[in-house]
Every structure is written in structure tokens, then in C-alpha cells.
Amino acid sequence: MTVSLWAASNLDPAIGTEHFLPGASAIGVYTFHFDTASMVAGDYLEARLYQAVLTGCTPKVAYLDAWQGVQATDDQVKISVPISNDLAEASAVRFSLTLRLGGASPASQIPWKILRHS
């Protein structure tokens, strides 16, 4: 199995905005990785994975997880469940991060990457 970088960047999240990251448009298995080291007390972060079941279908939430407050030093990098994609169309699989609530100094610069396993 080959692992390759699909997309990566830093996100400076706006509170209450769902930030969509580059979607997967190639056949393969994907994982979503992001660093929560910048989270502070009062932060509430959600990650979603969306998937279209068939060609032409609208992607729907397939996976949702959430984290609150300062994250433990030994658990700051979050990795999604693998999500398979058999459709070669734009946004067949999508990834998003939403900072629902922000503390006194809400999370800034969340580094993230999407890996493709093929």
C-alpha cells in the first residue's frame, strides 16, 4: 500500500464557521489528521467526514467527532477513521473542521493533512 499526501495546510478557524478542506476526487482510502495543540479552555471543535454513496449523490455526514478544551499532551494529534472512496468525482469525500465555541484565546492555526492510501 502506498501512502501519499492529498492536501495539507494550516487553518485559522472562525468561530461558528464550518471550514471545508479539499475533497477527495480519486479512488482510494483517506485519513484526516489534525493537531489540536492550540486548543484552549472554552474551545469546542468538531470534525466531519462526508461521503457520496453513489455518483451524483450529495455527500452526507458519515463520521462526526468533537473535542473540548485543552487537549492532553499525549493526545493532541487526531486521526479520523479511514474512509473509502470508489467514486472518481469532485468532492465524493469531503472533510471539515468547525470551531463551535472559542475560549478567551480561541484555537488558532490548526495544522491539518489528508492522506490517501492506495
PDB file of N, CA and C in Angstrom:
ATOM      1  N   MET A   1       0.845  -1.177   0.000  1.00  0.00           N
ATOM      2  CA  MET A   1       0.000   0.000   0.000  1.00  0.00           C
ATOM      3  C   MET A   1       0.890   1.240   0.000  1.00  0.00           C
ATOM      4  N   THR A   2       0.523   2.182  -0.835  1.00  0.00           N
ATOM      5  CA  THR A   2       1.237   3.446  -0.923  1.00  0.00           C
ATOM      6  C   THR A   2       0.452   4.524  -0.188  1.00  0.00           C
ATOM      7  N   VAL A   3       1.158   5.345   0.579  1.00  0.00           N
ATOM      8  CA  VAL A   3       0.528   6.469   1.272  1.00  0.00           C
ATOM      9  C   VAL A   3       1.070   7.746   0.650  1.00  0.00           C
ATOM     10  N   SER A   4       0.170   8.645   0.275  1.00  0.00           N
ATOM     11  CA  SER A   4       0.602   9.911  -0.315  1.00  0.00           C
ATOM     12  C   SER A   4      -0.206  11.062   0.286  1.00  0.00           C
ATOM     13  N   LEU A   5       0.407  12.224   0.277  1.00  0.00           N
ATOM     14  CA  LEU A   5      -0.249  13.422   0.779  1.00  0.00           C
ATOM     15  C   LEU A   5      -1.252  13.908  -0.254  1.00  0.00           C
ATOM     16  N   TRP A   6      -2.521  14.030   0.132  1.00  0.00           N
ATOM     17  CA  TRP A   6      -3.557  14.534  -0.759  1.00  0.00           C
ATOM     18  C   TRP A   6      -3.638  16.062  -0.663  1.00  0.00           C
ATOM     19  N   ALA A   7      -3.616  16.573   0.576  1.00  0.00           N
ATOM     20  CA  ALA A   7      -3.684  18.017   0.801  1.00  0.00           C
ATOM     21  C   ALA A   7      -3.206  18.304   2.215  1.00  0.00           C
ATOM     22  N   ALA A   8      -2.713  19.528   2.444  1.00  0.00           N
ATOM     23  CA  ALA A   8      -2.262  19.929   3.776  1.00  0.00           C
ATOM     24  C   ALA A   8      -2.186  21.442   3.855  1.00  0.00           C
ATOM     25  N   SER A   9      -2.396  21.968   5.062  1.00  0.00           N
ATOM     26  CA  SER A   9      -2.288  23.405   5.286  1.00  0.00           C
ATOM     27  C   SER A   9      -2.469  23.680   6.769  1.00  0.00           C
ATOM     28  N   ASN A  10      -2.612  24.964   7.098  1.00  0.00           N
ATOM     29  CA  ASN A  10      -2.967  25.418   8.441  1.00  0.00           C
ATOM     30  C   ASN A  10      -4.309  26.117   8.337  1.00  0.00           C
ATOM     31  N   LEU A  11      -5.162  25.894   9.324  1.00  0.00           N
ATOM     32  CA  LEU A  11      -6.469  26.529   9.348  1.00  0.00           C
ATOM     33  C   LEU A  11      -6.530  27.486  10.524  1.00  0.00           C
ATOM     34  N   ASP A  12      -6.931  28.716  10.261  1.00  0.00           N
ATOM     35  CA  ASP A  12      -7.180  29.707  11.306  1.00  0.00           C
ATOM     36  C   ASP A  12      -8.701  29.808  11.401  1.00  0.00           C
ATOM     37  N   PRO A  13      -9.333  28.988  12.269  1.00  0.00           N
ATOM     38  CA  PRO A  13     -10.786  28.859  12.235  1.00  0.00           C
ATOM     39  C   PRO A  13     -11.550  30.071  12.752  1.00  0.00           C
ATOM     40  N   ALA A  14     -12.607  30.418  12.058  1.00  0.00           N
ATOM     41  CA  ALA A  14     -13.543  31.438  12.527  1.00  0.00           C
ATOM     42  C   ALA A  14     -14.616  30.718  13.337  1.00  0.00           C
ATOM     43  N   ILE A  15     -14.930  31.228  14.510  1.00  0.00           N
ATOM     44  CA  ILE A  15     -15.903  30.577  15.381  1.00  0.00           C
ATOM     45  C   ILE A  15     -17.256  30.488  14.684  1.00  0.00           C
ATOM     46  N   GLY A  16     -17.822  29.271  14.695  1.00  0.00           N
ATOM     47  CA  GLY A  16     -19.143  29.043  14.122  1.00  0.00           C
ATOM     48  C   GLY A  16     -19.172  28.749  12.635  1.00  0.00           C
ATOM     49  N   THR A  17     -18.018  28.765  11.977  1.00  0.00           N
ATOM     50  CA  THR A  17     -17.953  28.516  10.533  1.00  0.00           C
ATOM     51  C   THR A  17     -17.448  27.106  10.269  1.00  0.00           C
ATOM     52  N   GLU A  18     -18.173  26.355   9.440  1.00  0.00           N
ATOM     53  CA  GLU A  18     -17.691  25.043   9.023  1.00  0.00           C
ATOM     54  C   GLU A  18     -16.721  25.268   7.869  1.00  0.00           C
ATOM     55  N   HIS A  19     -15.473  24.905   8.101  1.00  0.00           N
ATOM     56  CA  HIS A  19     -14.416  25.102   7.106  1.00  0.00           C
ATOM     57  C   HIS A  19     -14.231  23.802   6.329  1.00  0.00           C
ATOM     58  N   PHE A  20     -14.579  23.843   5.039  1.00  0.00           N
ATOM     59  CA  PHE A  20     -14.406  22.662   4.196  1.00  0.00           C
ATOM     60  C   PHE A  20     -12.995  22.654   3.623  1.00  0.00           C
ATOM     61  N   LEU A  21     -12.335  21.515   3.758  1.00  0.00           N
ATOM     62  CA  LEU A  21     -10.979  21.325   3.266  1.00  0.00           C
ATOM     63  C   LEU A  21     -11.080  20.625   1.915  1.00  0.00           C
ATOM     64  N   PRO A  22      -9.982  20.533   1.165  1.00  0.00           N
ATOM     65  CA  PRO A  22     -10.073  19.908  -0.163  1.00  0.00           C
ATOM     66  C   PRO A  22     -10.677  18.508  -0.097  1.00  0.00           C
ATOM     67  N   GLY A  23     -11.639  18.257  -0.960  1.00  0.00           N
ATOM     68  CA  GLY A  23     -12.291  16.949  -1.009  1.00  0.00           C
ATOM     69  C   GLY A  23     -11.479  15.948  -1.819  1.00  0.00           C
ATOM     70  N   ALA A  24     -11.836  14.694  -1.662  1.00  0.00           N
ATOM     71  CA  ALA A  24     -11.158  13.617  -2.384  1.00  0.00           C
ATOM     72  C   ALA A  24     -11.919  13.327  -3.671  1.00  0.00           C
ATOM     73  N   SER A  25     -11.214  13.340  -4.785  1.00  0.00           N
ATOM     74  CA  SER A  25     -11.852  13.077  -6.071  1.00  0.00           C
ATOM     75  C   SER A  25     -11.181  11.915  -6.797  1.00  0.00           C
ATOM     76  N   ALA A  26     -10.435  11.112  -6.057  1.00  0.00           N
ATOM     77  CA  ALA A  26      -9.761   9.950  -6.635  1.00  0.00           C
ATOM     78  C   ALA A  26     -10.117   8.716  -5.816  1.00  0.00           C
ATOM     79  N   ILE A  27     -10.116   7.584  -6.467  1.00  0.00           N
ATOM     80  CA  ILE A  27     -10.399   6.325  -5.788  1.00  0.00           C
ATOM     81  C   ILE A  27      -9.276   6.037  -4.796  1.00  0.00           C
ATOM     82  N   GLY A  28      -9.658   5.617  -3.591  1.00  0.00           N
ATOM     83  CA  GLY A  28      -8.667   5.290  -2.575  1.00  0.00           C
ATOM     84  C   GLY A  28      -9.285   5.335  -1.191  1.00  0.00           C
ATOM     85  N   VAL A  29      -8.447   5.159  -0.195  1.00  0.00           N
ATOM     86  CA  VAL A  29      -8.849   5.248   1.207  1.00  0.00           C
ATOM     87  C   VAL A  29      -8.144   6.470   1.778  1.00  0.00           C
ATOM     88  N   TYR A  30      -8.869   7.273   2.547  1.00  0.00           N
ATOM     89  CA  TYR A  30      -8.342   8.534   3.048  1.00  0.00           C
ATOM     90  C   TYR A  30      -8.404   8.582   4.570  1.00  0.00           C
ATOM     91  N   THR A  31      -7.445   9.283   5.162  1.00  0.00           N
ATOM     92  CA  THR A  31      -7.481   9.592   6.588  1.00  0.00           C
ATOM     93  C   THR A  31      -7.201  11.079   6.744  1.00  0.00           C
ATOM     94  N   PHE A  32      -7.832  11.655   7.752  1.00  0.00           N
ATOM     95  CA  PHE A  32      -7.770  13.089   8.036  1.00  0.00           C
ATOM     96  C   PHE A  32      -7.022  13.254   9.358  1.00  0.00           C
ATOM     97  N   HIS A  33      -5.943  14.033   9.348  1.00  0.00           N
ATOM     98  CA  HIS A  33      -5.099  14.235  10.523  1.00  0.00           C
ATOM     99  C   HIS A  33      -5.050  15.721  10.850  1.00  0.00           C
ATOM    100  N   PHE A  34      -5.165  16.065  12.143  1.00  0.00           N
ATOM    101  CA  PHE A  34      -5.025  17.469  12.526  1.00  0.00           C
ATOM    102  C   PHE A  34      -4.514  17.567  13.959  1.00  0.00           C
ATOM    103  N   ASP A  35      -3.887  18.701  14.244  1.00  0.00           N
ATOM    104  CA  ASP A  35      -3.198  18.944  15.507  1.00  0.00           C
ATOM    105  C   ASP A  35      -4.029  19.895  16.369  1.00  0.00           C
ATOM    106  N   THR A  36      -4.401  19.450  17.565  1.00  0.00           N
ATOM    107  CA  THR A  36      -5.257  20.246  18.450  1.00  0.00           C
ATOM    108  C   THR A  36      -4.462  20.919  19.573  1.00  0.00           C
ATOM    109  N   ALA A  37      -3.139  21.023  19.424  1.00  0.00           N
ATOM    110  CA  ALA A  37      -2.300  21.601  20.484  1.00  0.00           C
ATOM    111  C   ALA A  37      -2.671  23.042  20.807  1.00  0.00           C
ATOM    112  N   SER A  38      -3.274  23.768  19.866  1.00  0.00           N
ATOM    113  CA  SER A  38      -3.610  25.177  20.110  1.00  0.00           C
ATOM    114  C   SER A  38      -4.951  25.361  20.817  1.00  0.00           C
ATOM    115  N   MET A  39      -5.662  24.274  21.096  1.00  0.00           N
ATOM    116  CA  MET A  39      -6.963  24.414  21.766  1.00  0.00           C
ATOM    117  C   MET A  39      -6.786  24.897  23.200  1.00  0.00           C
ATOM    118  N   VAL A  40      -7.704  25.771  23.633  1.00  0.00           N
ATOM    119  CA  VAL A  40      -7.668  26.333  24.989  1.00  0.00           C
ATOM    120  C   VAL A  40      -9.001  26.035  25.689  1.00  0.00           C
ATOM    121  N   ALA A  41      -9.044  26.316  27.002  1.00  0.00           N
ATOM    122  CA  ALA A  41     -10.286  26.140  27.757  1.00  0.00           C
ATOM    123  C   ALA A  41     -11.394  26.945  27.092  1.00  0.00           C
ATOM    124  N   GLY A  42     -12.541  26.346  26.911  1.00  0.00           N
ATOM    125  CA  GLY A  42     -13.666  27.021  26.278  1.00  0.00           C
ATOM    126  C   GLY A  42     -13.818  26.703  24.798  1.00  0.00           C
ATOM    127  N   ASP A  43     -12.794  26.095  24.176  1.00  0.00           N
ATOM    128  CA  ASP A  43     -12.890  25.704  22.765  1.00  0.00           C
ATOM    129  C   ASP A  43     -13.733  24.443  22.632  1.00  0.00           C
ATOM    130  N   TYR A  44     -14.471  24.359  21.532  1.00  0.00           N
ATOM    131  CA  TYR A  44     -15.247  23.164  21.198  1.00  0.00           C
ATOM    132  C   TYR A  44     -15.092  22.968  19.700  1.00  0.00           C
ATOM    133  N   LEU A  45     -14.358  21.920  19.304  1.00  0.00           N
ATOM    134  CA  LEU A  45     -14.004  21.677  17.910  1.00  0.00           C
ATOM    135  C   LEU A  45     -14.690  20.421  17.397  1.00  0.00           C
ATOM    136  N   GLU A  46     -15.262  20.506  16.186  1.00  0.00           N
ATOM    137  CA  GLU A  46     -15.893  19.358  15.540  1.00  0.00           C
ATOM    138  C   GLU A  46     -15.175  19.049  14.234  1.00  0.00           C
ATOM    139  N   ALA A  47     -15.060  17.756  13.934  1.00  0.00           N
ATOM    140  CA  ALA A  47     -14.524  17.293  12.650  1.00  0.00           C
ATOM    141  C   ALA A  47     -15.580  16.408  12.001  1.00  0.00           C
ATOM    142  N   ARG A  48     -15.790  16.617  10.706  1.00  0.00           N
ATOM    143  CA  ARG A  48     -16.753  15.812   9.960  1.00  0.00           C
ATOM    144  C   ARG A  48     -16.102  15.241   8.710  1.00  0.00           C
ATOM    145  N   LEU A  49     -16.519  14.024   8.366  1.00  0.00           N
ATOM    146  CA  LEU A  49     -16.174  13.393   7.096  1.00  0.00           C
ATOM    147  C   LEU A  49     -17.493  13.179   6.365  1.00  0.00           C
ATOM    148  N   TYR A  50     -17.555  13.630   5.129  1.00  0.00           N
ATOM    149  CA  TYR A  50     -18.749  13.487   4.305  1.00  0.00           C
ATOM    150  C   TYR A  50     -18.447  12.484   3.195  1.00  0.00           C
ATOM    151  N   GLN A  51     -19.487  11.764   2.763  1.00  0.00           N
ATOM    152  CA  GLN A  51     -19.299  10.824   1.662  1.00  0.00           C
ATOM    153  C   GLN A  51     -20.540  10.775   0.785  1.00  0.00           C
ATOM    154  N   ALA A  52     -20.321  10.753  -0.531  1.00  0.00           N
ATOM    155  CA  ALA A  52     -21.393  10.496  -1.501  1.00  0.00           C
ATOM    156  C   ALA A  52     -21.442   8.989  -1.703  1.00  0.00           C
ATOM    157  N   VAL A  53     -22.621   8.406  -1.595  1.00  0.00           N
ATOM    158  CA  VAL A  53     -22.741   6.950  -1.698  1.00  0.00           C
ATOM    159  C   VAL A  53     -22.654   6.478  -3.150  1.00  0.00           C
ATOM    160  N   LEU A  54     -23.295   7.206  -4.058  1.00  0.00           N
ATOM    161  CA  LEU A  54     -23.273   6.863  -5.482  1.00  0.00           C
ATOM    162  C   LEU A  54     -22.940   8.098  -6.303  1.00  0.00           C
ATOM    163  N   THR A  55     -22.532   7.898  -7.536  1.00  0.00           N
ATOM    164  CA  THR A  55     -22.277   9.006  -8.446  1.00  0.00           C
ATOM    165  C   THR A  55     -23.522   9.887  -8.528  1.00  0.00           C
ATOM    166  N   GLY A  56     -23.323  11.189  -8.404  1.00  0.00           N
ATOM    167  CA  GLY A  56     -24.427  12.138  -8.485  1.00  0.00           C
ATOM    168  C   GLY A  56     -25.125  12.404  -7.160  1.00  0.00           C
ATOM    169  N   CYS A  57     -24.820  11.624  -6.129  1.00  0.00           N
ATOM    170  CA  CYS A  57     -25.435  11.848  -4.814  1.00  0.00           C
ATOM    171  C   CYS A  57     -24.726  12.993  -4.092  1.00  0.00           C
ATOM    172  N   THR A  58     -25.462  13.672  -3.241  1.00  0.00           N
ATOM    173  CA  THR A  58     -24.885  14.722  -2.409  1.00  0.00           C
ATOM    174  C   THR A  58     -24.130  14.081  -1.251  1.00  0.00           C
ATOM    175  N   PRO A  59     -22.883  14.499  -0.988  1.00  0.00           N
ATOM    176  CA  PRO A  59     -22.161  13.948   0.163  1.00  0.00           C
ATOM    177  C   PRO A  59     -22.901  14.263   1.465  1.00  0.00           C
ATOM    178  N   LYS A  60     -23.004  13.270   2.333  1.00  0.00           N
ATOM    179  CA  LYS A  60     -23.657  13.409   3.636  1.00  0.00           C
ATOM    180  C   LYS A  60     -22.659  13.041   4.728  1.00  0.00           C
ATOM    181  N   VAL A  61     -22.918  13.467   5.961  1.00  0.00           N
ATOM    182  CA  VAL A  61     -22.008  13.179   7.066  1.00  0.00           C
ATOM    183  C   VAL A  61     -21.942  11.674   7.315  1.00  0.00           C
ATOM    184  N   ALA A  62     -20.735  11.138   7.250  1.00  0.00           N
ATOM    185  CA  ALA A  62     -20.501   9.724   7.518  1.00  0.00           C
ATOM    186  C   ALA A  62     -19.824   9.533   8.874  1.00  0.00           C
ATOM    187  N   TYR A  63     -19.185  10.584   9.367  1.00  0.00           N
ATOM    188  CA  TYR A  63     -18.445  10.486  10.622  1.00  0.00           C
ATOM    189  C   TYR A  63     -18.366  11.875  11.249  1.00  0.00           C
ATOM    190  N   LEU A  64     -18.627  11.939  12.556  1.00  0.00           N
ATOM    191  CA  LEU A  64     -18.547  13.195  13.307  1.00  0.00           C
ATOM    192  C   LEU A  64     -17.886  12.897  14.638  1.00  0.00           C
ATOM    193  N   ASP A  65     -16.952  13.751  15.032  1.00  0.00           N
ATOM    194  CA  ASP A  65     -16.348  13.652  16.359  1.00  0.00           C
ATOM    195  C   ASP A  65     -16.105  15.066  16.858  1.00  0.00           C
ATOM    196  N   ALA A  66     -15.981  15.221  18.183  1.00  0.00           N
ATOM    197  CA  ALA A  66     -15.820  16.551  18.770  1.00  0.00           C
ATOM    198  C   ALA A  66     -14.879  16.483  19.965  1.00  0.00           C
ATOM    199  N   TRP A  67     -14.187  17.613  20.212  1.00  0.00           N
ATOM    200  CA  TRP A  67     -13.239  17.729  21.322  1.00  0.00           C
ATOM    201  C   TRP A  67     -13.472  19.069  22.003  1.00  0.00           C
ATOM    202  N   GLN A  68     -13.214  19.081  23.303  1.00  0.00           N
ATOM    203  CA  GLN A  68     -13.487  20.278  24.096  1.00  0.00           C
ATOM    204  C   GLN A  68     -12.279  20.621  24.946  1.00  0.00           C
ATOM    205  N   GLY A  69     -11.963  21.927  25.020  1.00  0.00           N
ATOM    206  CA  GLY A  69     -10.926  22.426  25.917  1.00  0.00           C
ATOM    207  C   GLY A  69      -9.509  22.027  25.539  1.00  0.00           C
ATOM    208  N   VAL A  70      -8.605  22.233  26.502  1.00  0.00           N
ATOM    209  CA  VAL A  70      -7.194  21.907  26.308  1.00  0.00           C
ATOM    210  C   VAL A  70      -7.065  20.394  26.141  1.00  0.00           C
ATOM    211  N   GLN A  71      -6.314  19.972  25.138  1.00  0.00           N
ATOM    212  CA  GLN A  71      -6.131  18.546  24.876  1.00  0.00           C
ATOM    213  C   GLN A  71      -4.874  18.030  25.576  1.00  0.00           C
ATOM    214  N   ALA A  72      -4.953  16.804  26.069  1.00  0.00           N
ATOM    215  CA  ALA A  72      -3.825  16.182  26.765  1.00  0.00           C
ATOM    216  C   ALA A  72      -2.603  16.135  25.857  1.00  0.00           C
ATOM    217  N   THR A  73      -1.442  16.339  26.409  1.00  0.00           N
ATOM    218  CA  THR A  73      -0.190  16.343  25.655  1.00  0.00           C
ATOM    219  C   THR A  73      -0.012  15.056  24.845  1.00  0.00           C
ATOM    220  N   ASP A  74      -0.431  13.940  25.403  1.00  0.00           N
ATOM    221  CA  ASP A  74      -0.264  12.651  24.725  1.00  0.00           C
ATOM    222  C   ASP A  74      -1.389  12.322  23.750  1.00  0.00           C
ATOM    223  N   ASP A  75      -2.271  13.294  23.461  1.00  0.00           N
ATOM    224  CA  ASP A  75      -3.401  13.025  22.560  1.00  0.00           C
ATOM    225  C   ASP A  75      -3.776  14.274  21.765  1.00  0.00           C
ATOM    226  N   GLN A  76      -2.794  14.976  21.226  1.00  0.00           N
ATOM    227  CA  GLN A  76      -3.088  16.223  20.520  1.00  0.00           C
ATOM    228  C   GLN A  76      -3.268  16.055  19.025  1.00  0.00           C
ATOM    229  N   VAL A  77      -2.703  15.021  18.433  1.00  0.00           N
ATOM    230  CA  VAL A  77      -2.910  14.772  17.010  1.00  0.00           C
ATOM    231  C   VAL A  77      -4.095  13.823  16.875  1.00  0.00           C
ATOM    232  N   LYS A  78      -5.111  14.274  16.167  1.00  0.00           N
ATOM    233  CA  LYS A  78      -6.321  13.474  15.953  1.00  0.00           C
ATOM    234  C   LYS A  78      -6.263  12.880  14.553  1.00  0.00           C
ATOM    235  N   ILE A  79      -6.673  11.615  14.438  1.00  0.00           N
ATOM    236  CA  ILE A  79      -6.669  10.909  13.158  1.00  0.00           C
ATOM    237  C   ILE A  79      -8.045  10.287  12.974  1.00  0.00           C
ATOM    238  N   SER A  80      -8.670  10.585  11.846  1.00  0.00           N
ATOM    239  CA  SER A  80     -10.006  10.057  11.577  1.00  0.00           C
ATOM    240  C   SER A  80      -9.968   8.562  11.298  1.00  0.00           C
ATOM    241  N   VAL A  81     -11.147   7.983  11.324  1.00  0.00           N
ATOM    242  CA  VAL A  81     -11.289   6.618  10.831  1.00  0.00           C
ATOM    243  C   VAL A  81     -10.987   6.665   9.333  1.00  0.00           C
ATOM    244  N   PRO A  82     -10.493   5.577   8.752  1.00  0.00           N
ATOM    245  CA  PRO A  82     -10.294   5.563   7.292  1.00  0.00           C
ATOM    246  C   PRO A  82     -11.652   5.623   6.592  1.00  0.00           C
ATOM    247  N   ILE A  83     -11.699   6.374   5.501  1.00  0.00           N
ATOM    248  CA  ILE A  83     -12.934   6.444   4.717  1.00  0.00           C
ATOM    249  C   ILE A  83     -12.597   6.069   3.271  1.00  0.00           C
ATOM    250  N   SER A  84     -13.310   5.080   2.748  1.00  0.00           N
ATOM    251  CA  SER A  84     -13.060   4.564   1.399  1.00  0.00           C
ATOM    252  C   SER A  84     -13.842   5.355   0.371  1.00  0.00           C
ATOM    253  N   ASN A  85     -13.239   5.518  -0.789  1.00  0.00           N
ATOM    254  CA  ASN A  85     -13.898   6.219  -1.887  1.00  0.00           C
ATOM    255  C   ASN A  85     -13.710   5.434  -3.178  1.00  0.00           C
ATOM    256  N   ASP A  86     -14.829   5.058  -3.804  1.00  0.00           N
ATOM    257  CA  ASP A  86     -14.773   4.347  -5.081  1.00  0.00           C
ATOM    258  C   ASP A  86     -15.265   5.216  -6.239  1.00  0.00           C
ATOM    259  N   LEU A  87     -15.492   6.505  -5.972  1.00  0.00           N
ATOM    260  CA  LEU A  87     -16.014   7.421  -6.986  1.00  0.00           C
ATOM    261  C   LEU A  87     -14.931   8.407  -7.422  1.00  0.00           C
ATOM    262  N   ALA A  88     -14.767   8.558  -8.711  1.00  0.00           N
ATOM    263  CA  ALA A  88     -13.780   9.497  -9.241  1.00  0.00           C
ATOM    264  C   ALA A  88     -14.482  10.780  -9.657  1.00  0.00           C
ATOM    265  N   GLU A  89     -15.105  11.461  -8.693  1.00  0.00           N
ATOM    266  CA  GLU A  89     -15.774  12.727  -8.975  1.00  0.00           C
ATOM    267  C   GLU A  89     -15.460  13.713  -7.860  1.00  0.00           C
ATOM    268  N   ALA A  90     -15.525  14.983  -8.196  1.00  0.00           N
ATOM    269  CA  ALA A  90     -15.177  16.037  -7.242  1.00  0.00           C
ATOM    270  C   ALA A  90     -16.010  15.928  -5.972  1.00  0.00           C
ATOM    271  N   SER A  91     -15.348  16.038  -4.851  1.00  0.00           N
ATOM    272  CA  SER A  91     -15.986  16.054  -3.522  1.00  0.00           C
ATOM    273  C   SER A  91     -16.800  14.805  -3.199  1.00  0.00           C
ATOM    274  N   ALA A  92     -16.411  13.651  -3.737  1.00  0.00           N
ATOM    275  CA  ALA A  92     -17.080  12.400  -3.368  1.00  0.00           C
ATOM    276  C   ALA A  92     -16.883  12.150  -1.879  1.00  0.00           C
ATOM    277  N   VAL A  93     -15.732  12.563  -1.366  1.00  0.00           N
ATOM    278  CA  VAL A  93     -15.439  12.529   0.064  1.00  0.00           C
ATOM    279  C   VAL A  93     -14.981  13.934   0.441  1.00  0.00           C
ATOM    280  N   ARG A  94     -15.547  14.479   1.530  1.00  0.00           N
ATOM    281  CA  ARG A  94     -15.198  15.831   1.981  1.00  0.00           C
ATOM    282  C   ARG A  94     -14.820  15.797   3.457  1.00  0.00           C
ATOM    283  N   PHE A  95     -14.035  16.779   3.876  1.00  0.00           N
ATOM    284  CA  PHE A  95     -13.562  16.885   5.254  1.00  0.00           C
ATOM    285  C   PHE A  95     -13.811  18.306   5.742  1.00  0.00           C
ATOM    286  N   SER A  96     -14.198  18.440   7.018  1.00  0.00           N
ATOM    287  CA  SER A  96     -14.398  19.791   7.543  1.00  0.00           C
ATOM    288  C   SER A  96     -14.019  19.869   9.016  1.00  0.00           C
ATOM    289  N   LEU A  97     -13.686  21.096   9.443  1.00  0.00           N
ATOM    290  CA  LEU A  97     -13.452  21.424  10.848  1.00  0.00           C
ATOM    291  C   LEU A  97     -14.320  22.620  11.195  1.00  0.00           C
ATOM    292  N   THR A  98     -14.940  22.580  12.387  1.00  0.00           N
ATOM    293  CA  THR A  98     -15.771  23.681  12.868  1.00  0.00           C
ATOM    294  C   THR A  98     -15.420  23.965  14.317  1.00  0.00           C
ATOM    295  N   LEU A  99     -15.007  25.200  14.596  1.00  0.00           N
ATOM    296  CA  LEU A  99     -14.798  25.638  15.977  1.00  0.00           C
ATOM    297  C   LEU A  99     -16.123  26.240  16.430  1.00  0.00           C
ATOM    298  N   ARG A 100     -16.923  25.462  17.162  1.00  0.00           N
ATOM    299  CA  ARG A 100     -18.262  25.897  17.586  1.00  0.00           C
ATOM    300  C   ARG A 100     -18.193  26.979  18.657  1.00  0.00           C
ATOM    301  N   LEU A 101     -17.289  26.806  19.608  1.00  0.00           N
ATOM    302  CA  LEU A 101     -17.116  27.769  20.691  1.00  0.00           C
ATOM    303  C   LEU A 101     -15.636  28.062  20.840  1.00  0.00           C
ATOM    304  N   GLY A 102     -15.316  29.296  21.236  1.00  0.00           N
ATOM    305  CA  GLY A 102     -13.916  29.656  21.437  1.00  0.00           C
ATOM    306  C   GLY A 102     -13.701  30.217  22.825  1.00  0.00           C
ATOM    307  N   GLY A 103     -12.591  29.845  23.426  1.00  0.00           N
ATOM    308  CA  GLY A 103     -12.247  30.350  24.752  1.00  0.00           C
ATOM    309  C   GLY A 103     -11.730  31.780  24.682  1.00  0.00           C
ATOM    310  N   ALA A 104     -11.079  32.223  25.734  1.00  0.00           N
ATOM    311  CA  ALA A 104     -10.545  33.588  25.803  1.00  0.00           C
ATOM    312  C   ALA A 104      -9.598  33.865  24.638  1.00  0.00           C
ATOM    313  N   SER A 105      -8.794  32.891  24.283  1.00  0.00           N
ATOM    314  CA  SER A 105      -7.921  32.966  23.106  1.00  0.00           C
ATOM    315  C   SER A 105      -8.210  31.718  22.286  1.00  0.00           C
ATOM    316  N   PRO A 106      -9.268  31.737  21.458  1.00  0.00           N
ATOM    317  CA  PRO A 106      -9.662  30.520  20.759  1.00  0.00           C
ATOM    318  C   PRO A 106      -8.551  29.937  19.898  1.00  0.00           C
ATOM    319  N   ALA A 107      -8.692  28.659  19.644  1.00  0.00           N
ATOM    320  CA  ALA A 107      -7.702  27.921  18.854  1.00  0.00           C
ATOM    321  C   ALA A 107      -7.327  28.699  17.596  1.00  0.00           C
ATOM    322  N   SER A 108      -6.051  28.719  17.322  1.00  0.00           N
ATOM    323  CA  SER A 108      -5.587  29.341  16.080  1.00  0.00           C
ATOM    324  C   SER A 108      -4.614  28.402  15.405  1.00  0.00           C
ATOM    325  N   GLN A 109      -4.542  28.523  14.126  1.00  0.00           N
ATOM    326  CA  GLN A 109      -3.617  27.724  13.332  1.00  0.00           C
ATOM    327  C   GLN A 109      -3.675  26.235  13.679  1.00  0.00           C
ATOM    328  N   ILE A 110      -4.684  25.585  13.166  1.00  0.00           N
ATOM    329  CA  ILE A 110      -4.798  24.142  13.320  1.00  0.00           C
ATOM    330  C   ILE A 110      -4.150  23.504  12.091  1.00  0.00           C
ATOM    331  N   PRO A 111      -2.960  22.907  12.244  1.00  0.00           N
ATOM    332  CA  PRO A 111      -2.332  22.227  11.115  1.00  0.00           C
ATOM    333  C   PRO A 111      -3.125  20.956  10.781  1.00  0.00           C
ATOM    334  N   TRP A 112      -3.314  20.693   9.498  1.00  0.00           N
ATOM    335  CA  TRP A 112      -4.061  19.508   9.084  1.00  0.00           C
ATOM    336  C   TRP A 112      -3.473  18.929   7.805  1.00  0.00           C
ATOM    337  N   LYS A 113      -3.768  17.645   7.595  1.00  0.00           N
ATOM    338  CA  LYS A 113      -3.403  16.993   6.341  1.00  0.00           C
ATOM    339  C   LYS A 113      -4.384  15.867   6.043  1.00  0.00           C
ATOM    340  N   ILE A 114      -4.509  15.549   4.779  1.00  0.00           N
ATOM    341  CA  ILE A 114      -5.330  14.438   4.321  1.00  0.00           C
ATOM    342  C   ILE A 114      -4.392  13.493   3.571  1.00  0.00           C
ATOM    343  N   LEU A 115      -4.389  12.244   4.001  1.00  0.00           N
ATOM    344  CA  LEU A 115      -3.538  11.235   3.361  1.00  0.00           C
ATOM    345  C   LEU A 115      -4.384  10.293   2.529  1.00  0.00           C
ATOM    346  N   ARG A 116      -3.846   9.898   1.390  1.00  0.00           N
ATOM    347  CA  ARG A 116      -4.503   8.921   0.513  1.00  0.00           C
ATOM    348  C   ARG A 116      -3.720   7.624   0.585  1.00  0.00           C
ATOM    349  N   HIS A 117      -4.433   6.566   0.850  1.00  0.00           N
ATOM    350  CA  HIS A 117      -3.839   5.220   0.934  1.00  0.00           C
ATOM    351  C   HIS A 117      -4.321   4.442  -0.290  1.00  0.00           C
ATOM    352  N   SER A 118      -3.396   4.026  -1.129  1.00  0.00           N
ATOM    353  CA  SER A 118      -3.818   3.312  -2.349  1.00  0.00           C
ATOM    354  C   SER A 118      -2.895   2.145  -2.647  1.00  0.00           C
TER     355      SER A 118
END
